[in-house]
Amino acid sequence: MWSVLITAITVLGGTSAFRFYEKRAMHRERDDDFIRHDCKDRISKLEALLDASAREKDDLRNLVLKLTAEVAELRVKVEFLNKSNTKHQLND
């Protein structure tokens, strides 16, 4: 009689424990999937930001080169005008 009762309790307890661990594993799997998808989304956003930043950096580099060329051109003009102005002052 006691062995039947102990066996029944063991079987019921084992079944409950199995269900508990099964649910726990399913929750853990869902959490892992959520984290994986969240990381993929974040990586995609960061890659897009990185691409935009690289394009902006290239645009700014080109602008700096253009402005540097313009400054060099203006320096040449200023030097020419200063020399021209000095010659006119000496002739007067």
PDB file of N, CA and C in Angstrom:
ATOM      1  N   MET A   1       0.816  -1.189   0.000  1.00  0.00           N
ATOM      2  CA  MET A   1       0.000   0.000   0.000  1.00  0.00           C
ATOM      3  C   MET A   1       0.864   1.260   0.000  1.00  0.00           C
ATOM      4  N   TRP A   2       1.855   1.314   0.884  1.00  0.00           N
ATOM      5  CA  TRP A   2       2.720   2.476   0.969  1.00  0.00           C
ATOM      6  C   TRP A   2       3.543   2.637  -0.307  1.00  0.00           C
ATOM      7  N   SER A   3       3.984   1.571  -0.878  1.00  0.00           N
ATOM      8  CA  SER A   3       4.803   1.674  -2.092  1.00  0.00           C
ATOM      9  C   SER A   3       3.985   2.214  -3.262  1.00  0.00           C
ATOM     10  N   VAL A   4       2.693   1.848  -3.317  1.00  0.00           N
ATOM     11  CA  VAL A   4       1.820   2.375  -4.371  1.00  0.00           C
ATOM     12  C   VAL A   4       1.630   3.871  -4.180  1.00  0.00           C
ATOM     13  N   LEU A   5       1.416   4.281  -2.955  1.00  0.00           N
ATOM     14  CA  LEU A   5       1.208   5.703  -2.653  1.00  0.00           C
ATOM     15  C   LEU A   5       2.482   6.513  -2.966  1.00  0.00           C
ATOM     16  N   ILE A   6       3.634   6.012  -2.570  1.00  0.00           N
ATOM     17  CA  ILE A   6       4.899   6.702  -2.824  1.00  0.00           C
ATOM     18  C   ILE A   6       5.162   6.771  -4.331  1.00  0.00           C
ATOM     19  N   THR A   7       4.859   5.704  -5.056  1.00  0.00           N
ATOM     20  CA  THR A   7       5.042   5.687  -6.505  1.00  0.00           C
ATOM     21  C   THR A   7       4.137   6.707  -7.176  1.00  0.00           C
ATOM     22  N   ALA A   8       2.879   6.797  -6.733  1.00  0.00           N
ATOM     23  CA  ALA A   8       1.934   7.761  -7.306  1.00  0.00           C
ATOM     24  C   ALA A   8       2.403   9.190  -7.057  1.00  0.00           C
ATOM     25  N   ILE A   9       2.870   9.467  -5.855  1.00  0.00           N
ATOM     26  CA  ILE A   9       3.355  10.814  -5.517  1.00  0.00           C
ATOM     27  C   ILE A   9       4.598  11.138  -6.357  1.00  0.00           C
ATOM     28  N   THR A  10       5.471  10.165  -6.521  1.00  0.00           N
ATOM     29  CA  THR A  10       6.690  10.372  -7.306  1.00  0.00           C
ATOM     30  C   THR A  10       6.358  10.662  -8.763  1.00  0.00           C
ATOM     31  N   VAL A  11       5.413   9.897  -9.316  1.00  0.00           N
ATOM     32  CA  VAL A  11       5.030  10.106 -10.710  1.00  0.00           C
ATOM     33  C   VAL A  11       4.397  11.472 -10.895  1.00  0.00           C
ATOM     34  N   LEU A  12       3.487  11.848 -10.006  1.00  0.00           N
ATOM     35  CA  LEU A  12       2.835  13.161 -10.110  1.00  0.00           C
ATOM     36  C   LEU A  12       3.853  14.293  -9.933  1.00  0.00           C
ATOM     37  N   GLY A  13       4.739  14.119  -8.981  1.00  0.00           N
ATOM     38  CA  GLY A  13       5.779  15.136  -8.753  1.00  0.00           C
ATOM     39  C   GLY A  13       6.719  15.239  -9.934  1.00  0.00           C
ATOM     40  N   GLY A  14       7.075  14.116 -10.528  1.00  0.00           N
ATOM     41  CA  GLY A  14       7.963  14.111 -11.687  1.00  0.00           C
ATOM     42  C   GLY A  14       7.313  14.775 -12.885  1.00  0.00           C
ATOM     43  N   THR A  15       6.014  14.515 -13.072  1.00  0.00           N
ATOM     44  CA  THR A  15       5.285  15.129 -14.175  1.00  0.00           C
ATOM     45  C   THR A  15       5.214  16.638 -13.990  1.00  0.00           C
ATOM     46  N   SER A  16       4.937  17.078 -12.792  1.00  0.00           N
ATOM     47  CA  SER A  16       4.876  18.521 -12.503  1.00  0.00           C
ATOM     48  C   SER A  16       6.238  19.174 -12.716  1.00  0.00           C
ATOM     49  N   ALA A  17       7.267  18.497 -12.257  1.00  0.00           N
ATOM     50  CA  ALA A  17       8.610  19.047 -12.430  1.00  0.00           C
ATOM     51  C   ALA A  17       8.958  19.134 -13.917  1.00  0.00           C
ATOM     52  N   PHE A  18       8.591  18.094 -14.681  1.00  0.00           N
ATOM     53  CA  PHE A  18       8.863  18.110 -16.115  1.00  0.00           C
ATOM     54  C   PHE A  18       8.140  19.272 -16.790  1.00  0.00           C
ATOM     55  N   ARG A  19       6.879  19.495 -16.460  1.00  0.00           N
ATOM     56  CA  ARG A  19       6.119  20.623 -17.036  1.00  0.00           C
ATOM     57  C   ARG A  19       6.757  21.955 -16.672  1.00  0.00           C
ATOM     58  N   PHE A  20       7.181  22.073 -15.401  1.00  0.00           N
ATOM     59  CA  PHE A  20       7.817  23.306 -14.941  1.00  0.00           C
ATOM     60  C   PHE A  20       9.069  23.594 -15.764  1.00  0.00           C
ATOM     61  N   TYR A  21       9.943  22.596 -15.888  1.00  0.00           N
ATOM     62  CA  TYR A  21      11.185  22.803 -16.631  1.00  0.00           C
ATOM     63  C   TYR A  21      10.934  23.016 -18.121  1.00  0.00           C
ATOM     64  N   GLU A  22       9.888  22.385 -18.640  1.00  0.00           N
ATOM     65  CA  GLU A  22       9.536  22.585 -20.040  1.00  0.00           C
ATOM     66  C   GLU A  22       9.092  24.032 -20.282  1.00  0.00           C
ATOM     67  N   LYS A  23       8.233  24.554 -19.408  1.00  0.00           N
ATOM     68  CA  LYS A  23       7.794  25.962 -19.529  1.00  0.00           C
ATOM     69  C   LYS A  23       8.975  26.905 -19.358  1.00  0.00           C
ATOM     70  N   ARG A  24       9.839  26.581 -18.426  1.00  0.00           N
ATOM     71  CA  ARG A  24      11.006  27.422 -18.171  1.00  0.00           C
ATOM     72  C   ARG A  24      11.913  27.462 -19.404  1.00  0.00           C
ATOM     73  N   ALA A  25      12.103  26.330 -20.042  1.00  0.00           N
ATOM     74  CA  ALA A  25      12.923  26.274 -21.251  1.00  0.00           C
ATOM     75  C   ALA A  25      12.270  27.064 -22.379  1.00  0.00           C
ATOM     76  N   MET A  26      10.944  27.006 -22.510  1.00  0.00           N
ATOM     77  CA  MET A  26      10.252  27.766 -23.551  1.00  0.00           C
ATOM     78  C   MET A  26      10.399  29.263 -23.315  1.00  0.00           C
ATOM     79  N   HIS A  27      10.268  29.690 -22.052  1.00  0.00           N
ATOM     80  CA  HIS A  27      10.443  31.124 -21.738  1.00  0.00           C
ATOM     81  C   HIS A  27      11.866  31.564 -22.042  1.00  0.00           C
ATOM     82  N   ARG A  28      12.820  30.729 -21.702  1.00  0.00           N
ATOM     83  CA  ARG A  28      14.216  31.072 -21.952  1.00  0.00           C
ATOM     84  C   ARG A  28      14.466  31.179 -23.458  1.00  0.00           C
ATOM     85  N   GLU A  29      13.872  30.283 -24.228  1.00  0.00           N
ATOM     86  CA  GLU A  29      14.018  30.324 -25.681  1.00  0.00           C
ATOM     87  C   GLU A  29      13.390  31.587 -26.271  1.00  0.00           C
ATOM     88  N   ARG A  30      12.209  31.962 -25.754  1.00  0.00           N
ATOM     89  CA  ARG A  30      11.561  33.202 -26.217  1.00  0.00           C
ATOM     90  C   ARG A  30      12.415  34.416 -25.876  1.00  0.00           C
ATOM     91  N   ASP A  31      12.966  34.412 -24.656  1.00  0.00           N
ATOM     92  CA  ASP A  31      13.836  35.524 -24.260  1.00  0.00           C
ATOM     93  C   ASP A  31      15.063  35.607 -25.163  1.00  0.00           C
ATOM     94  N   ASP A  32      15.660  34.454 -25.477  1.00  0.00           N
ATOM     95  CA  ASP A  32      16.820  34.445 -26.364  1.00  0.00           C
ATOM     96  C   ASP A  32      16.450  34.959 -27.754  1.00  0.00           C
ATOM     97  N   ASP A  33      15.282  34.562 -28.253  1.00  0.00           N
ATOM     98  CA  ASP A  33      14.832  35.053 -29.565  1.00  0.00           C
ATOM     99  C   ASP A  33      14.613  36.555 -29.542  1.00  0.00           C
ATOM    100  N   PHE A  34      14.003  37.052 -28.457  1.00  0.00           N
ATOM    101  CA  PHE A  34      13.768  38.493 -28.332  1.00  0.00           C
ATOM    102  C   PHE A  34      15.093  39.249 -28.330  1.00  0.00           C
ATOM    103  N   ILE A  35      16.044  38.745 -27.561  1.00  0.00           N
ATOM    104  CA  ILE A  35      17.348  39.403 -27.478  1.00  0.00           C
ATOM    105  C   ILE A  35      18.037  39.370 -28.842  1.00  0.00           C
ATOM    106  N   ARG A  36      17.954  38.234 -29.527  1.00  0.00           N
ATOM    107  CA  ARG A  36      18.584  38.100 -30.836  1.00  0.00           C
ATOM    108  C   ARG A  36      17.984  39.097 -31.829  1.00  0.00           C
ATOM    109  N   HIS A  37      16.655  39.196 -31.862  1.00  0.00           N
ATOM    110  CA  HIS A  37      15.999  40.129 -32.786  1.00  0.00           C
ATOM    111  C   HIS A  37      16.292  41.579 -32.405  1.00  0.00           C
ATOM    112  N   ASP A  38      16.317  41.856 -31.104  1.00  0.00           N
ATOM    113  CA  ASP A  38      16.621  43.205 -30.645  1.00  0.00           C
ATOM    114  C   ASP A  38      18.039  43.599 -31.055  1.00  0.00           C
ATOM    115  N   CYS A  39      18.970  42.673 -30.906  1.00  0.00           N
ATOM    116  CA  CYS A  39      20.354  42.954 -31.302  1.00  0.00           C
ATOM    117  C   CYS A  39      20.461  43.163 -32.808  1.00  0.00           C
ATOM    118  N   LYS A  40      19.735  42.355 -33.586  1.00  0.00           N
ATOM    119  CA  LYS A  40      19.758  42.539 -35.041  1.00  0.00           C
ATOM    120  C   LYS A  40      19.239  43.923 -35.415  1.00  0.00           C
ATOM    121  N   ASP A  41      18.139  44.347 -34.770  1.00  0.00           N
ATOM    122  CA  ASP A  41      17.586  45.673 -35.056  1.00  0.00           C
ATOM    123  C   ASP A  41      18.581  46.772 -34.704  1.00  0.00           C
ATOM    124  N   ARG A  42      19.198  46.642 -33.539  1.00  0.00           N
ATOM    125  CA  ARG A  42      20.165  47.655 -33.113  1.00  0.00           C
ATOM    126  C   ARG A  42      21.369  47.701 -34.048  1.00  0.00           C
ATOM    127  N   ILE A  43      21.836  46.539 -34.459  1.00  0.00           N
ATOM    128  CA  ILE A  43      22.976  46.488 -35.370  1.00  0.00           C
ATOM    129  C   ILE A  43      22.619  47.138 -36.697  1.00  0.00           C
ATOM    130  N   SER A  44      21.419  46.876 -37.197  1.00  0.00           N
ATOM    131  CA  SER A  44      20.987  47.491 -38.452  1.00  0.00           C
ATOM    132  C   SER A  44      20.950  49.014 -38.333  1.00  0.00           C
ATOM    133  N   LYS A  45      20.408  49.501 -37.224  1.00  0.00           N
ATOM    134  CA  LYS A  45      20.354  50.950 -37.021  1.00  0.00           C
ATOM    135  C   LYS A  45      21.752  51.545 -36.926  1.00  0.00           C
ATOM    136  N   LEU A  46      22.641  50.867 -36.197  1.00  0.00           N
ATOM    137  CA  LEU A  46      24.006  51.376 -36.064  1.00  0.00           C
ATOM    138  C   LEU A  46      24.748  51.364 -37.397  1.00  0.00           C
ATOM    139  N   GLU A  47      24.511  50.329 -38.208  1.00  0.00           N
ATOM    140  CA  GLU A  47      25.134  50.299 -39.525  1.00  0.00           C
ATOM    141  C   GLU A  47      24.637  51.441 -40.403  1.00  0.00           C
ATOM    142  N   ALA A  48      23.339  51.731 -40.321  1.00  0.00           N
ATOM    143  CA  ALA A  48      22.781  52.840 -41.098  1.00  0.00           C
ATOM    144  C   ALA A  48      23.385  54.168 -40.633  1.00  0.00           C
ATOM    145  N   LEU A  49      23.510  54.339 -39.318  1.00  0.00           N
ATOM    146  CA  LEU A  49      24.121  55.561 -38.799  1.00  0.00           C
ATOM    147  C   LEU A  49      25.587  55.672 -39.213  1.00  0.00           C
ATOM    148  N   LEU A  50      26.281  54.554 -39.219  1.00  0.00           N
ATOM    149  CA  LEU A  50      27.682  54.551 -39.616  1.00  0.00           C
ATOM    150  C   LEU A  50      27.831  54.928 -41.087  1.00  0.00           C
ATOM    151  N   ASP A  51      26.967  54.392 -41.932  1.00  0.00           N
ATOM    152  CA  ASP A  51      27.001  54.751 -43.354  1.00  0.00           C
ATOM    153  C   ASP A  51      26.715  56.233 -43.558  1.00  0.00           C
ATOM    154  N   ALA A  52      25.700  56.735 -42.858  1.00  0.00           N
ATOM    155  CA  ALA A  52      25.364  58.159 -42.977  1.00  0.00           C
ATOM    156  C   ALA A  52      26.525  59.022 -42.491  1.00  0.00           C
ATOM    157  N   SER A  53      27.147  58.605 -41.405  1.00  0.00           N
ATOM    158  CA  SER A  53      28.284  59.352 -40.870  1.00  0.00           C
ATOM    159  C   SER A  53      29.459  59.348 -41.843  1.00  0.00           C
ATOM    160  N   ALA A  54      29.694  58.222 -42.481  1.00  0.00           N
ATOM    161  CA  ALA A  54      30.793  58.140 -43.458  1.00  0.00           C
ATOM    162  C   ALA A  54      30.524  59.050 -44.650  1.00  0.00           C
ATOM    163  N   ARG A  55      29.261  59.058 -45.126  1.00  0.00           N
ATOM    164  CA  ARG A  55      28.919  59.948 -46.242  1.00  0.00           C
ATOM    165  C   ARG A  55      29.078  61.406 -45.847  1.00  0.00           C
ATOM    166  N   GLU A  56      28.625  61.757 -44.654  1.00  0.00           N
ATOM    167  CA  GLU A  56      28.733  63.136 -44.175  1.00  0.00           C
ATOM    168  C   GLU A  56      30.207  63.539 -44.028  1.00  0.00           C
ATOM    169  N   LYS A  57      31.018  62.606 -43.531  1.00  0.00           N
ATOM    170  CA  LYS A  57      32.448  62.883 -43.386  1.00  0.00           C
ATOM    171  C   LYS A  57      33.079  63.141 -44.748  1.00  0.00           C
ATOM    172  N   ASP A  58      32.728  62.344 -45.732  1.00  0.00           N
ATOM    173  CA  ASP A  58      33.262  62.549 -47.084  1.00  0.00           C
ATOM    174  C   ASP A  58      32.826  63.894 -47.654  1.00  0.00           C
ATOM    175  N   ASP A  59      31.556  64.241 -47.446  1.00  0.00           N
ATOM    176  CA  ASP A  59      31.062  65.539 -47.915  1.00  0.00           C
ATOM    177  C   ASP A  59      31.810  66.688 -47.248  1.00  0.00           C
ATOM    178  N   LEU A  60      32.012  66.574 -45.946  1.00  0.00           N
ATOM    179  CA  LEU A  60      32.725  67.634 -45.223  1.00  0.00           C
ATOM    180  C   LEU A  60      34.186  67.715 -45.654  1.00  0.00           C
ATOM    181  N   ARG A  61      34.806  66.568 -45.921  1.00  0.00           N
ATOM    182  CA  ARG A  61      36.193  66.574 -46.390  1.00  0.00           C
ATOM    183  C   ARG A  61      36.288  67.290 -47.730  1.00  0.00           C
ATOM    184  N   ASN A  62      35.341  67.000 -48.622  1.00  0.00           N
ATOM    185  CA  ASN A  62      35.335  67.673 -49.924  1.00  0.00           C
ATOM    186  C   ASN A  62      35.119  69.167 -49.777  1.00  0.00           C
ATOM    187  N   LEU A  63      34.243  69.554 -48.855  1.00  0.00           N
ATOM    188  CA  LEU A  63      34.005  70.978 -48.614  1.00  0.00           C
ATOM    189  C   LEU A  63      35.260  71.660 -48.084  1.00  0.00           C
ATOM    190  N   VAL A  64      35.960  70.991 -47.169  1.00  0.00           N
ATOM    191  CA  VAL A  64      37.199  71.565 -46.630  1.00  0.00           C
ATOM    192  C   VAL A  64      38.228  71.738 -47.743  1.00  0.00           C
ATOM    193  N   LEU A  65      38.347  70.747 -48.624  1.00  0.00           N
ATOM    194  CA  LEU A  65      39.292  70.869 -49.738  1.00  0.00           C
ATOM    195  C   LEU A  65      38.924  72.027 -50.651  1.00  0.00           C
ATOM    196  N   LYS A  66      37.635  72.168 -50.927  1.00  0.00           N
ATOM    197  CA  LYS A  66      37.169  73.264 -51.781  1.00  0.00           C
ATOM    198  C   LYS A  66      37.453  74.617 -51.129  1.00  0.00           C
ATOM    199  N   LEU A  67      37.152  74.716 -49.835  1.00  0.00           N
ATOM    200  CA  LEU A  67      37.395  75.983 -49.134  1.00  0.00           C
ATOM    201  C   LEU A  67      38.881  76.293 -49.033  1.00  0.00           C
ATOM    202  N   THR A  68      39.699  75.274 -48.862  1.00  0.00           N
ATOM    203  CA  THR A  68      41.149  75.483 -48.820  1.00  0.00           C
ATOM    204  C   THR A  68      41.652  76.027 -50.150  1.00  0.00           C
ATOM    205  N   ALA A  69      41.134  75.480 -51.242  1.00  0.00           N
ATOM    206  CA  ALA A  69      41.522  75.973 -52.563  1.00  0.00           C
ATOM    207  C   ALA A  69      41.086  77.422 -52.747  1.00  0.00           C
ATOM    208  N   GLU A  70      39.881  77.754 -52.303  1.00  0.00           N
ATOM    209  CA  GLU A  70      39.393  79.135 -52.426  1.00  0.00           C
ATOM    210  C   GLU A  70      40.238  80.089 -51.589  1.00  0.00           C
ATOM    211  N   VAL A  71      40.624  79.668 -50.386  1.00  0.00           N
ATOM    212  CA  VAL A  71      41.463  80.519 -49.535  1.00  0.00           C
ATOM    213  C   VAL A  71      42.820  80.755 -50.200  1.00  0.00           C
ATOM    214  N   ALA A  72      43.381  79.710 -50.788  1.00  0.00           N
ATOM    215  CA  ALA A  72      44.670  79.866 -51.476  1.00  0.00           C
ATOM    216  C   ALA A  72      44.525  80.842 -52.638  1.00  0.00           C
ATOM    217  N   GLU A  73      43.437  80.735 -53.377  1.00  0.00           N
ATOM    218  CA  GLU A  73      43.186  81.648 -54.494  1.00  0.00           C
ATOM    219  C   GLU A  73      43.046  83.088 -54.000  1.00  0.00           C
ATOM    220  N   LEU A  74      42.330  83.268 -52.916  1.00  0.00           N
ATOM    221  CA  LEU A  74      42.158  84.617 -52.370  1.00  0.00           C
ATOM    222  C   LEU A  74      43.480  85.183 -51.857  1.00  0.00           C
ATOM    223  N   ARG A  75      44.339  84.348 -51.310  1.00  0.00           N
ATOM    224  CA  ARG A  75      45.663  84.831 -50.858  1.00  0.00           C
ATOM    225  C   ARG A  75      46.478  85.354 -52.038  1.00  0.00           C
ATOM    226  N   VAL A  76      46.423  84.623 -53.131  1.00  0.00           N
ATOM    227  CA  VAL A  76      47.152  85.056 -54.321  1.00  0.00           C
ATOM    228  C   VAL A  76      46.610  86.399 -54.805  1.00  0.00           C
ATOM    229  N   LYS A  77      45.281  86.537 -54.806  1.00  0.00           N
ATOM    230  CA  LYS A  77      44.673  87.803 -55.255  1.00  0.00           C
ATOM    231  C   LYS A  77      45.068  88.945 -54.330  1.00  0.00           C
ATOM    232  N   VAL A  78      45.060  88.701 -53.028  1.00  0.00           N
ATOM    233  CA  VAL A  78      45.409  89.748 -52.063  1.00  0.00           C
ATOM    234  C   VAL A  78      46.870  90.161 -52.251  1.00  0.00           C
ATOM    235  N   GLU A  79      47.748  89.173 -52.438  1.00  0.00           N
ATOM    236  CA  GLU A  79      49.161  89.501 -52.666  1.00  0.00           C
ATOM    237  C   GLU A  79      49.325  90.336 -53.940  1.00  0.00           C
ATOM    238  N   PHE A  80      48.630  89.950 -54.997  1.00  0.00           N
ATOM    239  CA  PHE A  80      48.703  90.693 -56.255  1.00  0.00           C
ATOM    240  C   PHE A  80      48.195  92.112 -56.073  1.00  0.00           C
ATOM    241  N   LEU A  81      47.058  92.257 -55.383  1.00  0.00           N
ATOM    242  CA  LEU A  81      46.496  93.592 -55.163  1.00  0.00           C
ATOM    243  C   LEU A  81      47.404  94.436 -54.276  1.00  0.00           C
ATOM    244  N   ASN A  82      48.015  93.804 -53.277  1.00  0.00           N
ATOM    245  CA  ASN A  82      48.942  94.558 -52.419  1.00  0.00           C
ATOM    246  C   ASN A  82      50.150  95.040 -53.220  1.00  0.00           C
ATOM    247  N   LYS A  83      50.695  94.176 -54.063  1.00  0.00           N
ATOM    248  CA  LYS A  83      51.832  94.573 -54.886  1.00  0.00           C
ATOM    249  C   LYS A  83      51.426  95.667 -55.867  1.00  0.00           C
ATOM    250  N   SER A  84      50.263  95.511 -56.454  1.00  0.00           N
ATOM    251  CA  SER A  84      49.759  96.503 -57.400  1.00  0.00           C
ATOM    252  C   SER A  84      49.530  97.836 -56.702  1.00  0.00           C
ATOM    253  N   ASN A  85      48.975  97.778 -55.527  1.00  0.00           N
ATOM    254  CA  ASN A  85      48.704  98.987 -54.744  1.00  0.00           C
ATOM    255  C   ASN A  85      50.011  99.674 -54.352  1.00  0.00           C
ATOM    256  N   THR A  86      50.987  98.887 -53.973  1.00  0.00           N
ATOM    257  CA  THR A  86      52.279  99.452 -53.594  1.00  0.00           C
ATOM    258  C   THR A  86      52.943 100.134 -54.788  1.00  0.00           C
ATOM    259  N   LYS A  87      52.857  99.522 -55.975  1.00  0.00           N
ATOM    260  CA  LYS A  87      53.434 100.116 -57.185  1.00  0.00           C
ATOM    261  C   LYS A  87      52.750 101.433 -57.517  1.00  0.00           C
ATOM    262  N   HIS A  88      51.419 101.485 -57.373  1.00  0.00           N
ATOM    263  CA  HIS A  88      50.685 102.720 -57.669  1.00  0.00           C
ATOM    264  C   HIS A  88      51.042 103.818 -56.694  1.00  0.00           C
ATOM    265  N   GLN A  89      51.253 103.462 -55.442  1.00  0.00           N
ATOM    266  CA  GLN A  89      51.615 104.467 -54.452  1.00  0.00           C
ATOM    267  C   GLN A  89      53.003 105.013 -54.729  1.00  0.00           C
ATOM    268  N   LEU A  90      53.911 104.161 -55.185  1.00  0.00           N
ATOM    269  CA  LEU A  90      55.273 104.626 -55.483  1.00  0.00           C
ATOM    270  C   LEU A  90      55.295 105.527 -56.728  1.00  0.00           C
ATOM    271  N   ASN A  91      54.415 105.232 -57.683  1.00  0.00           N
ATOM    272  CA  ASN A  91      54.363 106.033 -58.910  1.00  0.00           C
ATOM    273  C   ASN A  91      53.711 107.387 -58.673  1.00  0.00           C
ATOM    274  N   ASP A  92      52.896 107.501 -57.679  1.00  0.00           N
ATOM    275  CA  ASP A  92      52.211 108.787 -57.425  1.00  0.00           C
ATOM    276  C   ASP A  92      53.077 109.723 -56.724  1.00  0.00           C
TER     277      ASP A  92
END
